[in-house]
């Protein structure tokens, strides 16, 4: 009986050891400054290109846009419809300054401030704005960081 009990205890211990998660890979070391540069600069460059196709490559398929005085847009198709109209109406230039950047695995979170300059393509009238926002980036299977969420608000006082 003692032998059977000892054998059962050894078998149970071996079984539990087999069920204990074992580290399978080294923890990824993330260069936050490099991620910030790739994600932030890539997105701002895409905006300032005024090229819808370049912009489309900078956002995820399930992107969410939350911009001032409008319902949120969900999905690449909806955002791209808005972007095509925006780029057709204006030549735009955005300066975005990152004021906080965090990376967690395949996600990155950024707080930013912005200054925007939109020049009406028909009249030449210039409109400027400033404000703040939050971006959530997601790293794709190809390694590229794309915007999954962009929400911003103007610094103009509410009317």
Protein backbone atom coordinates (compact mmCIF):
# COMPACT_ATOMS: atom_id res chain seq x y z
CA UNK A 1 0.00 0.00 0.00
CA UNK A 2 2.81 2.44 0.91
CA UNK A 3 4.49 1.64 -2.39
CA UNK A 4 1.26 2.31 -4.34
CA UNK A 5 0.74 5.58 -2.42
CA UNK A 6 4.33 6.69 -3.12
CA UNK A 7 3.94 5.78 -6.81
CA UNK A 8 0.65 7.75 -6.98
CA UNK A 9 2.29 10.77 -5.36
CA UNK A 10 5.20 10.65 -7.84
CA UNK A 11 2.81 10.25 -10.78
CA UNK A 12 0.67 13.16 -9.53
CA UNK A 13 3.74 15.38 -9.08
CA UNK A 14 4.97 14.51 -12.58
CA UNK A 15 1.53 15.24 -14.02
CA UNK A 16 1.35 18.60 -12.26
CA UNK A 17 4.83 19.51 -13.45
CA UNK A 18 3.79 18.73 -17.02
CA UNK A 19 0.80 21.09 -16.65
CA UNK A 20 2.85 23.97 -15.28
CA UNK A 21 3.40 26.58 -18.00
CA UNK A 22 6.97 26.64 -19.16
CA UNK A 23 8.54 29.72 -20.71
CA UNK A 24 8.61 29.16 -24.46
CA UNK A 25 10.19 32.35 -25.70
CA UNK A 26 12.35 35.15 -24.50
CA UNK A 27 10.47 38.30 -23.52
CA UNK A 28 10.51 40.77 -26.41
CA UNK A 29 12.61 43.83 -25.71
CA UNK A 30 10.85 46.86 -27.10
CA UNK A 31 12.64 50.02 -28.14
CA UNK A 32 9.87 52.47 -27.23
CA UNK A 33 11.57 55.40 -28.96
CA UNK A 34 11.79 53.41 -32.22
CA UNK A 35 8.15 52.33 -31.98
CA UNK A 36 7.09 55.91 -31.26
CA UNK A 37 9.05 57.20 -34.26
CA UNK A 38 7.71 54.52 -36.62
CA UNK A 39 4.10 54.78 -35.45
CA UNK A 40 3.81 58.52 -34.84
CA UNK A 41 5.93 59.71 -37.78
CA UNK A 42 4.39 57.17 -40.15
CA UNK A 43 0.88 58.35 -39.35
CA UNK A 44 1.68 62.07 -39.51
CA UNK A 45 3.52 61.54 -42.82
CA UNK A 46 0.47 59.72 -44.20
CA UNK A 47 -1.83 62.59 -43.17
CA UNK A 48 0.47 65.24 -44.60
CA UNK A 49 0.91 63.34 -47.87
CA UNK A 50 -2.69 64.31 -48.74
CA UNK A 51 -2.72 60.96 -50.57
CA UNK A 52 -5.69 58.72 -49.70
CA UNK A 53 -3.85 55.53 -50.66
CA UNK A 54 -0.85 56.30 -48.48
CA UNK A 55 -3.22 57.24 -45.68
CA UNK A 56 -5.19 53.97 -46.08
CA UNK A 57 -2.01 51.99 -45.39
CA UNK A 58 -1.55 53.85 -42.08
CA UNK A 59 -4.84 52.66 -40.51
CA UNK A 60 -6.25 49.28 -39.50
CA UNK A 61 -9.27 47.68 -41.17
CA UNK A 62 -11.31 48.18 -37.97
CA UNK A 63 -10.12 51.75 -37.30
CA UNK A 64 -12.29 54.08 -35.20
CA UNK A 65 -12.26 57.85 -35.72
CA UNK A 66 -13.68 60.19 -33.08
CA UNK A 67 -13.39 63.75 -34.29
CA UNK A 68 -15.01 67.01 -33.17
CA UNK A 69 -18.69 67.71 -33.74
CA UNK A 70 -19.46 64.50 -35.61
CA UNK A 71 -20.51 60.91 -34.92
CA UNK A 72 -17.64 58.46 -34.72
CA UNK A 73 -16.61 56.59 -37.85
CA UNK A 74 -15.99 52.86 -37.55
CA UNK A 75 -14.09 50.81 -40.10
CA UNK A 76 -11.65 51.58 -42.86
CA UNK A 77 -14.36 52.06 -45.49
CA UNK A 78 -16.16 54.74 -43.45
CA UNK A 79 -12.95 56.54 -42.48
CA UNK A 80 -11.61 56.45 -46.04
CA UNK A 81 -14.84 57.95 -47.42
CA UNK A 82 -14.38 60.86 -45.00
CA UNK A 83 -10.63 61.15 -45.75
CA UNK A 84 -11.15 61.20 -49.52
CA UNK A 85 -13.64 64.07 -49.11
CA UNK A 86 -11.30 65.91 -46.74
CA UNK A 87 -8.26 65.54 -49.02
CA UNK A 88 -10.35 66.56 -52.06
CA UNK A 89 -11.53 69.74 -50.32
CA UNK A 90 -8.32 70.75 -48.53
CA UNK A 91 -4.57 70.55 -48.65
CA UNK A 92 -3.77 69.76 -45.05
CA UNK A 93 -0.75 69.95 -42.81
CA UNK A 94 -0.80 68.59 -39.27
CA UNK A 95 1.88 69.01 -36.65
CA UNK A 96 1.35 66.41 -33.94
CA UNK A 97 3.49 66.44 -30.82
CA UNK A 98 3.58 63.26 -28.80
CA UNK A 99 3.22 64.02 -25.07
CA UNK A 100 3.01 60.47 -23.80
CA UNK A 101 3.74 57.14 -25.47
CA UNK A 102 3.32 53.65 -24.02
CA UNK A 103 3.86 50.27 -25.67
CA UNK A 104 2.18 47.07 -24.47
CA UNK A 105 2.89 44.13 -26.76
CA UNK A 106 1.29 44.76 -30.14
CA UNK A 107 -0.49 47.92 -28.95
CA UNK A 108 0.84 51.43 -28.42
CA UNK A 109 -0.98 54.35 -26.81
CA UNK A 110 -0.17 57.97 -27.54
CA UNK A 111 -1.38 61.28 -26.13
CA UNK A 112 -0.68 64.16 -28.46
CA UNK A 113 -1.29 67.82 -29.14
CA UNK A 114 -1.82 69.14 -32.63
CA UNK A 115 -1.82 72.21 -34.82
CA UNK A 116 -3.56 71.89 -38.16
CA UNK A 117 -3.58 74.04 -41.25
CA UNK A 118 -6.17 73.37 -43.95
CA UNK A 119 -6.07 75.27 -47.24
CA UNK A 120 -9.31 75.17 -49.24
CA UNK A 121 -8.44 73.87 -52.70
CA UNK A 122 -11.06 76.07 -54.40
CA UNK A 123 -10.87 79.38 -52.56
CA UNK A 124 -7.39 79.26 -51.05
CA UNK A 125 -8.86 80.16 -47.64
CA UNK A 126 -6.73 78.92 -44.76
CA UNK A 127 -8.21 77.47 -41.57
CA UNK A 128 -6.06 76.65 -38.56
CA UNK A 129 -6.83 74.62 -35.50
CA UNK A 130 -5.24 73.23 -32.38
CA UNK A 131 -6.17 70.63 -29.85
CA UNK A 132 -5.31 67.31 -28.29
CA UNK A 133 -5.98 63.66 -28.92
CA UNK A 134 -5.27 60.02 -28.25
CA UNK A 135 -4.07 57.42 -30.75
CA UNK A 136 -4.05 53.70 -30.30
CA UNK A 137 -1.70 51.92 -32.67
CA UNK A 138 -1.69 48.19 -33.43
CA UNK A 139 1.26 46.30 -34.88
CA UNK A 140 0.24 44.26 -37.91
CA UNK A 141 1.47 40.83 -38.93
CA UNK A 142 3.85 42.65 -41.29
CA UNK A 143 5.40 44.52 -38.32
CA UNK A 144 3.99 47.91 -39.34
CA UNK A 145 2.30 50.07 -36.68
CA UNK A 146 -1.10 51.37 -37.83
CA UNK A 147 -3.72 53.56 -36.17
CA UNK A 148 -6.61 51.58 -34.71
CA UNK A 149 -8.20 54.53 -32.88
CA UNK A 150 -7.75 58.27 -33.32
CA UNK A 151 -9.85 60.56 -31.19
CA UNK A 152 -9.23 64.28 -30.99
CA UNK A 153 -10.85 67.48 -29.83
CA UNK A 154 -10.31 71.13 -30.52
CA UNK A 155 -9.01 73.62 -28.01
CA UNK A 156 -11.64 76.12 -29.20
CA UNK A 157 -14.11 77.06 -26.48
CA UNK A 158 -17.51 75.41 -26.77
CA UNK A 159 -20.05 77.69 -28.40
